[in-house]
């Protein structure tokens, strides 16, 4: 997002943790861009993020328009341990 938020005066991040999903929302008040260009570049940035979210049973989306800033949302279900209980913290043990 840093690449596209070059003139942003404010960037806000929010994390929502619920029983059925964990969602990260990042938004800025930068110049925005035409999201139609996202698939045109040689990299996998946003496209890769969306595929990773899908691979984890979640979703990701980007919304932006010229002069209106950008919002990126990434949501996945909580990680489950064997036995079906949610794992606490970021420990991969």
PDB file of N, CA and C in Angstrom:
ATOM      1  N   UNK A   1       0.822  -1.173   0.000  1.00  0.00           N
ATOM      2  CA  UNK A   1       0.000   0.000   0.000  1.00  0.00           C
ATOM      3  C   UNK A   1       0.875   1.249   0.000  1.00  0.00           C
ATOM      4  N   UNK A   2       2.029   1.152   0.564  1.00  0.00           N
ATOM      5  CA  UNK A   2       2.936   2.293   0.626  1.00  0.00           C
ATOM      6  C   UNK A   2       3.231   2.847  -0.765  1.00  0.00           C
ATOM      7  N   UNK A   3       3.335   1.976  -1.738  1.00  0.00           N
ATOM      8  CA  UNK A   3       3.607   2.383  -3.113  1.00  0.00           C
ATOM      9  C   UNK A   3       2.538   3.343  -3.628  1.00  0.00           C
ATOM     10  N   UNK A   4       1.293   3.099  -3.284  1.00  0.00           N
ATOM     11  CA  UNK A   4       0.180   3.897  -3.796  1.00  0.00           C
ATOM     12  C   UNK A   4      -0.214   5.037  -2.866  1.00  0.00           C
ATOM     13  N   UNK A   5       0.266   5.053  -1.636  1.00  0.00           N
ATOM     14  CA  UNK A   5      -0.122   6.074  -0.650  1.00  0.00           C
ATOM     15  C   UNK A   5       0.913   7.189  -0.570  1.00  0.00           C
ATOM     16  N   UNK A   6       1.613   7.433  -1.636  1.00  0.00           N
ATOM     17  CA  UNK A   6       2.757   8.346  -1.625  1.00  0.00           C
ATOM     18  C   UNK A   6       2.487   9.715  -1.025  1.00  0.00           C
ATOM     19  N   UNK A   7       1.308  10.283  -1.182  1.00  0.00           N
ATOM     20  CA  UNK A   7       1.007  11.607  -0.648  1.00  0.00           C
ATOM     21  C   UNK A   7      -0.049  11.573   0.448  1.00  0.00           C
ATOM     22  N   UNK A   8      -0.211  10.448   1.090  1.00  0.00           N
ATOM     23  CA  UNK A   8      -1.224  10.326   2.140  1.00  0.00           C
ATOM     24  C   UNK A   8      -0.807  11.129   3.367  1.00  0.00           C
ATOM     25  N   UNK A   9      -1.755  11.821   3.960  1.00  0.00           N
ATOM     26  CA  UNK A   9      -1.508  12.533   5.205  1.00  0.00           C
ATOM     27  C   UNK A   9      -1.870  11.689   6.406  1.00  0.00           C
ATOM     28  N   UNK A  10      -2.697  10.659   6.190  1.00  0.00           N
ATOM     29  CA  UNK A  10      -3.176   9.820   7.285  1.00  0.00           C
ATOM     30  C   UNK A  10      -3.335   8.379   6.791  1.00  0.00           C
ATOM     31  N   UNK A  11      -2.834   7.449   7.570  1.00  0.00           N
ATOM     32  CA  UNK A  11      -3.040   6.025   7.316  1.00  0.00           C
ATOM     33  C   UNK A  11      -3.622   5.439   8.595  1.00  0.00           C
ATOM     34  N   UNK A  12      -4.691   4.708   8.466  1.00  0.00           N
ATOM     35  CA  UNK A  12      -5.365   4.132   9.631  1.00  0.00           C
ATOM     36  C   UNK A  12      -5.438   2.620   9.475  1.00  0.00           C
ATOM     37  N   UNK A  13      -5.131   1.906  10.557  1.00  0.00           N
ATOM     38  CA  UNK A  13      -5.235   0.445  10.567  1.00  0.00           C
ATOM     39  C   UNK A  13      -6.174   0.034  11.680  1.00  0.00           C
ATOM     40  N   UNK A  14      -7.028  -0.927  11.375  1.00  0.00           N
ATOM     41  CA  UNK A  14      -7.944  -1.474  12.374  1.00  0.00           C
ATOM     42  C   UNK A  14      -7.911  -2.990  12.261  1.00  0.00           C
ATOM     43  N   UNK A  15      -7.912  -3.650  13.397  1.00  0.00           N
ATOM     44  CA  UNK A  15      -7.942  -5.104  13.444  1.00  0.00           C
ATOM     45  C   UNK A  15      -9.205  -5.510  14.179  1.00  0.00           C
ATOM     46  N   UNK A  16     -10.008  -6.333  13.532  1.00  0.00           N
ATOM     47  CA  UNK A  16     -11.248  -6.833  14.114  1.00  0.00           C
ATOM     48  C   UNK A  16     -11.090  -8.333  14.325  1.00  0.00           C
ATOM     49  N   UNK A  17     -11.170  -8.791  15.567  1.00  0.00           N
ATOM     50  CA  UNK A  17     -11.041 -10.210  15.878  1.00  0.00           C
ATOM     51  C   UNK A  17     -12.370 -10.716  16.417  1.00  0.00           C
ATOM     52  N   UNK A  18     -13.003 -11.568  15.637  1.00  0.00           N
ATOM     53  CA  UNK A  18     -14.275 -12.167  16.034  1.00  0.00           C
ATOM     54  C   UNK A  18     -14.123 -13.683  15.996  1.00  0.00           C
ATOM     55  N   UNK A  19     -15.083 -14.372  16.515  1.00  0.00           N
ATOM     56  CA  UNK A  19     -15.001 -15.837  16.572  1.00  0.00           C
ATOM     57  C   UNK A  19     -14.887 -16.457  15.186  1.00  0.00           C
ATOM     58  N   UNK A  20     -15.564 -15.873  14.183  1.00  0.00           N
ATOM     59  CA  UNK A  20     -15.604 -16.481  12.858  1.00  0.00           C
ATOM     60  C   UNK A  20     -14.564 -15.934  11.882  1.00  0.00           C
ATOM     61  N   UNK A  21     -13.982 -14.750  12.168  1.00  0.00           N
ATOM     62  CA  UNK A  21     -12.966 -14.211  11.272  1.00  0.00           C
ATOM     63  C   UNK A  21     -12.130 -13.131  11.955  1.00  0.00           C
ATOM     64  N   UNK A  22     -10.931 -12.953  11.427  1.00  0.00           N
ATOM     65  CA  UNK A  22     -10.043 -11.881  11.855  1.00  0.00           C
ATOM     66  C   UNK A  22      -9.813 -11.017  10.616  1.00  0.00           C
ATOM     67  N   UNK A  23     -10.109  -9.722  10.730  1.00  0.00           N
ATOM     68  CA  UNK A  23     -10.037  -8.834   9.581  1.00  0.00           C
ATOM     69  C   UNK A  23      -9.123  -7.653   9.876  1.00  0.00           C
ATOM     70  N   UNK A  24      -8.218  -7.383   8.953  1.00  0.00           N
ATOM     71  CA  UNK A  24      -7.350  -6.217   9.026  1.00  0.00           C
ATOM     72  C   UNK A  24      -7.799  -5.248   7.945  1.00  0.00           C
ATOM     73  N   UNK A  25      -8.057  -4.005   8.340  1.00  0.00           N
ATOM     74  CA  UNK A  25      -8.446  -2.959   7.391  1.00  0.00           C
ATOM     75  C   UNK A  25      -7.415  -1.836   7.464  1.00  0.00           C
ATOM     76  N   UNK A  26      -6.868  -1.470   6.319  1.00  0.00           N
ATOM     77  CA  UNK A  26      -5.897  -0.384   6.223  1.00  0.00           C
ATOM     78  C   UNK A  26      -6.446   0.623   5.228  1.00  0.00           C
ATOM     79  N   UNK A  27      -6.539   1.883   5.648  1.00  0.00           N
ATOM     80  CA  UNK A  27      -7.045   2.911   4.739  1.00  0.00           C
ATOM     81  C   UNK A  27      -6.174   4.153   4.824  1.00  0.00           C
ATOM     82  N   UNK A  28      -6.147   4.904   3.728  1.00  0.00           N
ATOM     83  CA  UNK A  28      -5.379   6.145   3.706  1.00  0.00           C
ATOM     84  C   UNK A  28      -6.188   7.232   3.008  1.00  0.00           C
ATOM     85  N   UNK A  29      -5.722   8.457   3.167  1.00  0.00           N
ATOM     86  CA  UNK A  29      -6.366   9.591   2.509  1.00  0.00           C
ATOM     87  C   UNK A  29      -5.507  10.106   1.355  1.00  0.00           C
ATOM     88  N   UNK A  30      -4.745   9.212   0.750  1.00  0.00           N
ATOM     89  CA  UNK A  30      -3.855   9.566  -0.357  1.00  0.00           C
ATOM     90  C   UNK A  30      -4.618   9.842  -1.639  1.00  0.00           C
ATOM     91  N   UNK A  31      -3.887   9.944  -2.735  1.00  0.00           N
ATOM     92  CA  UNK A  31      -4.507  10.316  -4.004  1.00  0.00           C
ATOM     93  C   UNK A  31      -5.379   9.235  -4.621  1.00  0.00           C
ATOM     94  N   UNK A  32      -5.281   8.015  -4.149  1.00  0.00           N
ATOM     95  CA  UNK A  32      -6.046   6.921  -4.732  1.00  0.00           C
ATOM     96  C   UNK A  32      -5.531   6.566  -6.116  1.00  0.00           C
ATOM     97  N   UNK A  33      -6.152   5.591  -6.736  1.00  0.00           N
ATOM     98  CA  UNK A  33      -5.737   5.144  -8.064  1.00  0.00           C
ATOM     99  C   UNK A  33      -6.858   4.324  -8.688  1.00  0.00           C
ATOM    100  N   UNK A  34      -6.723   4.066  -9.958  1.00  0.00           N
ATOM    101  CA  UNK A  34      -7.674   3.232 -10.682  1.00  0.00           C
ATOM    102  C   UNK A  34      -7.329   1.771 -10.404  1.00  0.00           C
ATOM    103  N   UNK A  35      -8.202   1.045  -9.711  1.00  0.00           N
ATOM    104  CA  UNK A  35      -7.869  -0.338  -9.348  1.00  0.00           C
ATOM    105  C   UNK A  35      -7.784  -1.253 -10.565  1.00  0.00           C
ATOM    106  N   UNK A  36      -8.213  -0.779 -11.715  1.00  0.00           N
ATOM    107  CA  UNK A  36      -8.083  -1.552 -12.943  1.00  0.00           C
ATOM    108  C   UNK A  36      -6.632  -1.816 -13.326  1.00  0.00           C
ATOM    109  N   UNK A  37      -5.699  -1.022 -12.802  1.00  0.00           N
ATOM    110  CA  UNK A  37      -4.287  -1.215 -13.136  1.00  0.00           C
ATOM    111  C   UNK A  37      -3.638  -2.313 -12.302  1.00  0.00           C
ATOM    112  N   UNK A  38      -4.325  -2.813 -11.278  1.00  0.00           N
ATOM    113  CA  UNK A  38      -3.705  -3.778 -10.367  1.00  0.00           C
ATOM    114  C   UNK A  38      -3.267  -5.059 -11.059  1.00  0.00           C
ATOM    115  N   UNK A  39      -4.009  -5.560 -11.993  1.00  0.00           N
ATOM    116  CA  UNK A  39      -3.642  -6.800 -12.673  1.00  0.00           C
ATOM    117  C   UNK A  39      -2.718  -6.587 -13.853  1.00  0.00           C
ATOM    118  N   UNK A  40      -2.413  -5.327 -14.177  1.00  0.00           N
ATOM    119  CA  UNK A  40      -1.637  -5.029 -15.372  1.00  0.00           C
ATOM    120  C   UNK A  40      -0.127  -5.101 -15.159  1.00  0.00           C
ATOM    121  N   UNK A  41       0.327  -5.000 -13.924  1.00  0.00           N
ATOM    122  CA  UNK A  41       1.765  -4.967 -13.657  1.00  0.00           C
ATOM    123  C   UNK A  41       2.389  -6.346 -13.650  1.00  0.00           C
ATOM    124  N   UNK A  42       3.732  -6.377 -13.603  1.00  0.00           N
ATOM    125  CA  UNK A  42       4.435  -7.656 -13.622  1.00  0.00           C
ATOM    126  C   UNK A  42       4.436  -8.375 -12.264  1.00  0.00           C
ATOM    127  N   UNK A  43       4.137  -7.659 -11.188  1.00  0.00           N
ATOM    128  CA  UNK A  43       4.220  -8.248  -9.849  1.00  0.00           C
ATOM    129  C   UNK A  43       2.960  -8.987  -9.446  1.00  0.00           C
ATOM    130  N   UNK A  44       3.012  -9.569  -8.250  1.00  0.00           N
ATOM    131  CA  UNK A  44       1.880 -10.336  -7.726  1.00  0.00           C
ATOM    132  C   UNK A  44       1.260  -9.663  -6.518  1.00  0.00           C
ATOM    133  N   UNK A  45       1.686  -8.462  -6.140  1.00  0.00           N
ATOM    134  CA  UNK A  45       1.248  -7.758  -4.943  1.00  0.00           C
ATOM    135  C   UNK A  45      -0.166  -8.024  -4.490  1.00  0.00           C
ATOM    136  N   UNK A  46      -1.118  -7.290  -5.013  1.00  0.00           N
ATOM    137  CA  UNK A  46      -2.509  -7.416  -4.580  1.00  0.00           C
ATOM    138  C   UNK A  46      -3.095  -8.749  -5.013  1.00  0.00           C
ATOM    139  N   UNK A  47      -2.793  -9.166  -6.218  1.00  0.00           N
ATOM    140  CA  UNK A  47      -3.292 -10.454  -6.712  1.00  0.00           C
ATOM    141  C   UNK A  47      -2.823 -11.586  -5.797  1.00  0.00           C
ATOM    142  N   UNK A  48      -1.557 -11.539  -5.368  1.00  0.00           N
ATOM    143  CA  UNK A  48      -1.022 -12.554  -4.457  1.00  0.00           C
ATOM    144  C   UNK A  48      -1.686 -12.512  -3.096  1.00  0.00           C
ATOM    145  N   UNK A  49      -1.962 -11.298  -2.609  1.00  0.00           N
ATOM    146  CA  UNK A  49      -2.629 -11.137  -1.317  1.00  0.00           C
ATOM    147  C   UNK A  49      -4.029 -11.762  -1.364  1.00  0.00           C
ATOM    148  N   UNK A  50      -4.741 -11.524  -2.448  1.00  0.00           N
ATOM    149  CA  UNK A  50      -6.090 -12.088  -2.592  1.00  0.00           C
ATOM    150  C   UNK A  50      -6.028 -13.611  -2.648  1.00  0.00           C
ATOM    151  N   UNK A  51      -5.068 -14.154  -3.379  1.00  0.00           N
ATOM    152  CA  UNK A  51      -4.919 -15.611  -3.464  1.00  0.00           C
ATOM    153  C   UNK A  51      -4.530 -16.219  -2.118  1.00  0.00           C
ATOM    154  N   UNK A  52      -3.652 -15.549  -1.358  1.00  0.00           N
ATOM    155  CA  UNK A  52      -3.280 -16.047  -0.026  1.00  0.00           C
ATOM    156  C   UNK A  52      -4.495 -16.077   0.897  1.00  0.00           C
ATOM    157  N   UNK A  53      -5.301 -15.023   0.853  1.00  0.00           N
ATOM    158  CA  UNK A  53      -6.503 -14.988   1.685  1.00  0.00           C
ATOM    159  C   UNK A  53      -7.439 -16.133   1.312  1.00  0.00           C
ATOM    160  N   UNK A  54      -7.661 -16.341   0.033  1.00  0.00           N
ATOM    161  CA  UNK A  54      -8.525 -17.447  -0.417  1.00  0.00           C
ATOM    162  C   UNK A  54      -7.978 -18.799   0.014  1.00  0.00           C
ATOM    163  N   UNK A  55      -6.654 -18.951  -0.085  1.00  0.00           N
ATOM    164  CA  UNK A  55      -6.015 -20.204   0.323  1.00  0.00           C
ATOM    165  C   UNK A  55      -6.184 -20.495   1.804  1.00  0.00           C
ATOM    166  N   UNK A  56      -6.408 -19.453   2.589  1.00  0.00           N
ATOM    167  CA  UNK A  56      -6.623 -19.616   4.030  1.00  0.00           C
ATOM    168  C   UNK A  56      -8.108 -19.619   4.385  1.00  0.00           C
ATOM    169  N   UNK A  57      -8.971 -19.676   3.372  1.00  0.00           N
ATOM    170  CA  UNK A  57     -10.411 -19.709   3.618  1.00  0.00           C
ATOM    171  C   UNK A  57     -11.016 -18.335   3.856  1.00  0.00           C
ATOM    172  N   UNK A  58     -10.334 -17.278   3.454  1.00  0.00           N
ATOM    173  CA  UNK A  58     -10.822 -15.920   3.684  1.00  0.00           C
ATOM    174  C   UNK A  58     -11.011 -15.146   2.403  1.00  0.00           C
ATOM    175  N   UNK A  59     -10.874 -13.840   2.506  1.00  0.00           N
ATOM    176  CA  UNK A  59     -11.052 -12.956   1.359  1.00  0.00           C
ATOM    177  C   UNK A  59     -10.216 -11.697   1.545  1.00  0.00           C
ATOM    178  N   UNK A  60      -9.977 -11.009   0.463  1.00  0.00           N
ATOM    179  CA  UNK A  60      -9.266  -9.725   0.488  1.00  0.00           C
ATOM    180  C   UNK A  60      -9.846  -8.865  -0.616  1.00  0.00           C
ATOM    181  N   UNK A  61      -9.843  -7.560  -0.386  1.00  0.00           N
ATOM    182  CA  UNK A  61     -10.322  -6.651  -1.417  1.00  0.00           C
ATOM    183  C   UNK A  61      -9.630  -5.300  -1.298  1.00  0.00           C
ATOM    184  N   UNK A  62      -9.573  -4.604  -2.406  1.00  0.00           N
ATOM    185  CA  UNK A  62      -8.997  -3.269  -2.472  1.00  0.00           C
ATOM    186  C   UNK A  62     -10.039  -2.355  -3.080  1.00  0.00           C
ATOM    187  N   UNK A  63     -10.259  -1.207  -2.445  1.00  0.00           N
ATOM    188  CA  UNK A  63     -11.143  -0.211  -3.041  1.00  0.00           C
ATOM    189  C   UNK A  63     -10.399   1.117  -3.064  1.00  0.00           C
ATOM    190  N   UNK A  64     -10.489   1.806  -4.197  1.00  0.00           N
ATOM    191  CA  UNK A  64      -9.796   3.073  -4.366  1.00  0.00           C
ATOM    192  C   UNK A  64     -10.374   3.791  -5.564  1.00  0.00           C
ATOM    193  N   UNK A  65     -10.218   5.085  -5.571  1.00  0.00           N
ATOM    194  CA  UNK A  65     -10.531   5.883  -6.746  1.00  0.00           C
ATOM    195  C   UNK A  65      -9.730   7.165  -6.662  1.00  0.00           C
ATOM    196  N   UNK A  66      -9.452   7.737  -7.803  1.00  0.00           N
ATOM    197  CA  UNK A  66      -8.616   8.935  -7.862  1.00  0.00           C
ATOM    198  C   UNK A  66      -9.173  10.028  -6.960  1.00  0.00           C
ATOM    199  N   UNK A  67      -8.314  10.559  -6.097  1.00  0.00           N
ATOM    200  CA  UNK A  67      -8.685  11.640  -5.203  1.00  0.00           C
ATOM    201  C   UNK A  67      -9.447  11.238  -3.958  1.00  0.00           C
ATOM    202  N   UNK A  68      -9.665   9.940  -3.742  1.00  0.00           N
ATOM    203  CA  UNK A  68     -10.489   9.502  -2.613  1.00  0.00           C
ATOM    204  C   UNK A  68      -9.802   8.536  -1.668  1.00  0.00           C
ATOM    205  N   UNK A  69      -8.523   8.288  -1.832  1.00  0.00           N
ATOM    206  CA  UNK A  69      -7.821   7.377  -0.936  1.00  0.00           C
ATOM    207  C   UNK A  69      -8.008   5.917  -1.309  1.00  0.00           C
ATOM    208  N   UNK A  70      -7.460   5.054  -0.459  1.00  0.00           N
ATOM    209  CA  UNK A  70      -7.466   3.616  -0.722  1.00  0.00           C
ATOM    210  C   UNK A  70      -7.770   2.866   0.568  1.00  0.00           C
ATOM    211  N   UNK A  71      -8.519   1.783   0.439  1.00  0.00           N
ATOM    212  CA  UNK A  71      -8.776   0.885   1.564  1.00  0.00           C
ATOM    213  C   UNK A  71      -8.459  -0.541   1.125  1.00  0.00           C
ATOM    214  N   UNK A  72      -7.701  -1.246   1.960  1.00  0.00           N
ATOM    215  CA  UNK A  72      -7.386  -2.655   1.733  1.00  0.00           C
ATOM    216  C   UNK A  72      -7.931  -3.424   2.922  1.00  0.00           C
ATOM    217  N   UNK A  73      -8.670  -4.501   2.638  1.00  0.00           N
ATOM    218  CA  UNK A  73      -9.187  -5.367   3.704  1.00  0.00           C
ATOM    219  C   UNK A  73      -8.718  -6.794   3.436  1.00  0.00           C
ATOM    220  N   UNK A  74      -8.300  -7.457   4.508  1.00  0.00           N
ATOM    221  CA  UNK A  74      -7.810  -8.831   4.451  1.00  0.00           C
ATOM    222  C   UNK A  74      -8.458  -9.576   5.600  1.00  0.00           C
ATOM    223  N   UNK A  75      -9.196 -10.636   5.309  1.00  0.00           N
ATOM    224  CA  UNK A  75      -9.939 -11.346   6.346  1.00  0.00           C
ATOM    225  C   UNK A  75      -9.745 -12.850   6.204  1.00  0.00           C
ATOM    226  N   UNK A  76      -9.454 -13.500   7.329  1.00  0.00           N
ATOM    227  CA  UNK A  76      -9.284 -14.953   7.344  1.00  0.00           C
ATOM    228  C   UNK A  76      -9.948 -15.514   8.596  1.00  0.00           C
ATOM    229  N   UNK A  77     -10.323 -16.788   8.556  1.00  0.00           N
ATOM    230  CA  UNK A  77     -10.840 -17.411   9.774  1.00  0.00           C
ATOM    231  C   UNK A  77      -9.698 -17.593  10.772  1.00  0.00           C
ATOM    232  N   UNK A  78     -10.016 -17.644  12.073  1.00  0.00           N
ATOM    233  CA  UNK A  78      -8.960 -17.881  13.066  1.00  0.00           C
ATOM    234  C   UNK A  78      -8.282 -19.226  12.812  1.00  0.00           C
ATOM    235  N   UNK A  79      -7.021 -19.318  13.164  1.00  0.00           N
ATOM    236  CA  UNK A  79      -6.277 -20.566  13.013  1.00  0.00           C
ATOM    237  C   UNK A  79      -6.763 -21.546  14.078  1.00  0.00           C
ATOM    238  N   UNK A  80      -7.007 -22.777  13.663  1.00  0.00           N
ATOM    239  CA  UNK A  80      -7.468 -23.794  14.610  1.00  0.00           C
ATOM    240  C   UNK A  80      -6.376 -24.823  14.867  1.00  0.00           C
ATOM    241  N   UNK A  81      -6.259 -25.249  16.120  1.00  0.00           N
ATOM    242  CA  UNK A  81      -5.354 -26.337  16.483  1.00  0.00           C
ATOM    243  C   UNK A  81      -6.114 -27.650  16.328  1.00  0.00           C
ATOM    244  N   UNK A  82      -5.394 -28.744  16.407  1.00  0.00           N
ATOM    245  CA  UNK A  82      -6.035 -30.051  16.420  1.00  0.00           C
ATOM    246  C   UNK A  82      -7.049 -30.076  17.553  1.00  0.00           C
ATOM    247  N   UNK A  83      -8.217 -30.577  17.330  1.00  0.00           N
ATOM    248  CA  UNK A  83      -9.253 -30.598  18.343  1.00  0.00           C
ATOM    249  C   UNK A  83     -10.236 -29.448  18.188  1.00  0.00           C
ATOM    250  N   UNK A  84      -9.959 -28.528  17.233  1.00  0.00           N
ATOM    251  CA  UNK A  84     -10.915 -27.483  16.920  1.00  0.00           C
ATOM    252  C   UNK A  84     -10.905 -26.274  17.826  1.00  0.00           C
ATOM    253  N   UNK A  85      -9.834 -26.059  18.596  1.00  0.00           N
ATOM    254  CA  UNK A  85      -9.791 -24.864  19.455  1.00  0.00           C
ATOM    255  C   UNK A  85      -8.899 -23.807  18.830  1.00  0.00           C
ATOM    256  N   UNK A  86      -9.285 -22.552  18.975  1.00  0.00           N
ATOM    257  CA  UNK A  86      -8.501 -21.442  18.416  1.00  0.00           C
ATOM    258  C   UNK A  86      -7.187 -21.316  19.142  1.00  0.00           C
ATOM    259  N   UNK A  87      -6.122 -21.089  18.394  1.00  0.00           N
ATOM    260  CA  UNK A  87      -4.792 -20.915  18.949  1.00  0.00           C
ATOM    261  C   UNK A  87      -4.649 -19.466  19.378  1.00  0.00           C
ATOM    262  N   UNK A  88      -4.123 -19.223  20.568  1.00  0.00           N
ATOM    263  CA  UNK A  88      -3.938 -17.867  21.093  1.00  0.00           C
ATOM    264  C   UNK A  88      -2.561 -17.353  20.699  1.00  0.00           C
ATOM    265  N   UNK A  89      -2.461 -16.050  20.427  1.00  0.00           N
ATOM    266  CA  UNK A  89      -1.189 -15.431  20.122  1.00  0.00           C
ATOM    267  C   UNK A  89      -0.706 -15.798  18.737  1.00  0.00           C
ATOM    268  N   UNK A  90       0.500 -15.332  18.406  1.00  0.00           N
ATOM    269  CA  UNK A  90       1.047 -15.554  17.083  1.00  0.00           C
ATOM    270  C   UNK A  90       2.063 -16.667  17.044  1.00  0.00           C
ATOM    271  N   UNK A  91       2.080 -17.539  18.017  1.00  0.00           N
ATOM    272  CA  UNK A  91       3.061 -18.596  18.127  1.00  0.00           C
ATOM    273  C   UNK A  91       2.702 -19.737  17.192  1.00  0.00           C
ATOM    274  N   UNK A  92       3.647 -20.208  16.402  1.00  0.00           N
ATOM    275  CA  UNK A  92       3.395 -21.283  15.448  1.00  0.00           C
ATOM    276  C   UNK A  92       3.740 -22.663  15.994  1.00  0.00           C
ATOM    277  N   UNK A  93       3.782 -22.801  17.272  1.00  0.00           N
ATOM    278  CA  UNK A  93       4.119 -24.114  17.850  1.00  0.00           C
ATOM    279  C   UNK A  93       3.022 -25.113  17.681  1.00  0.00           C
TER     280      UNK A  93
END
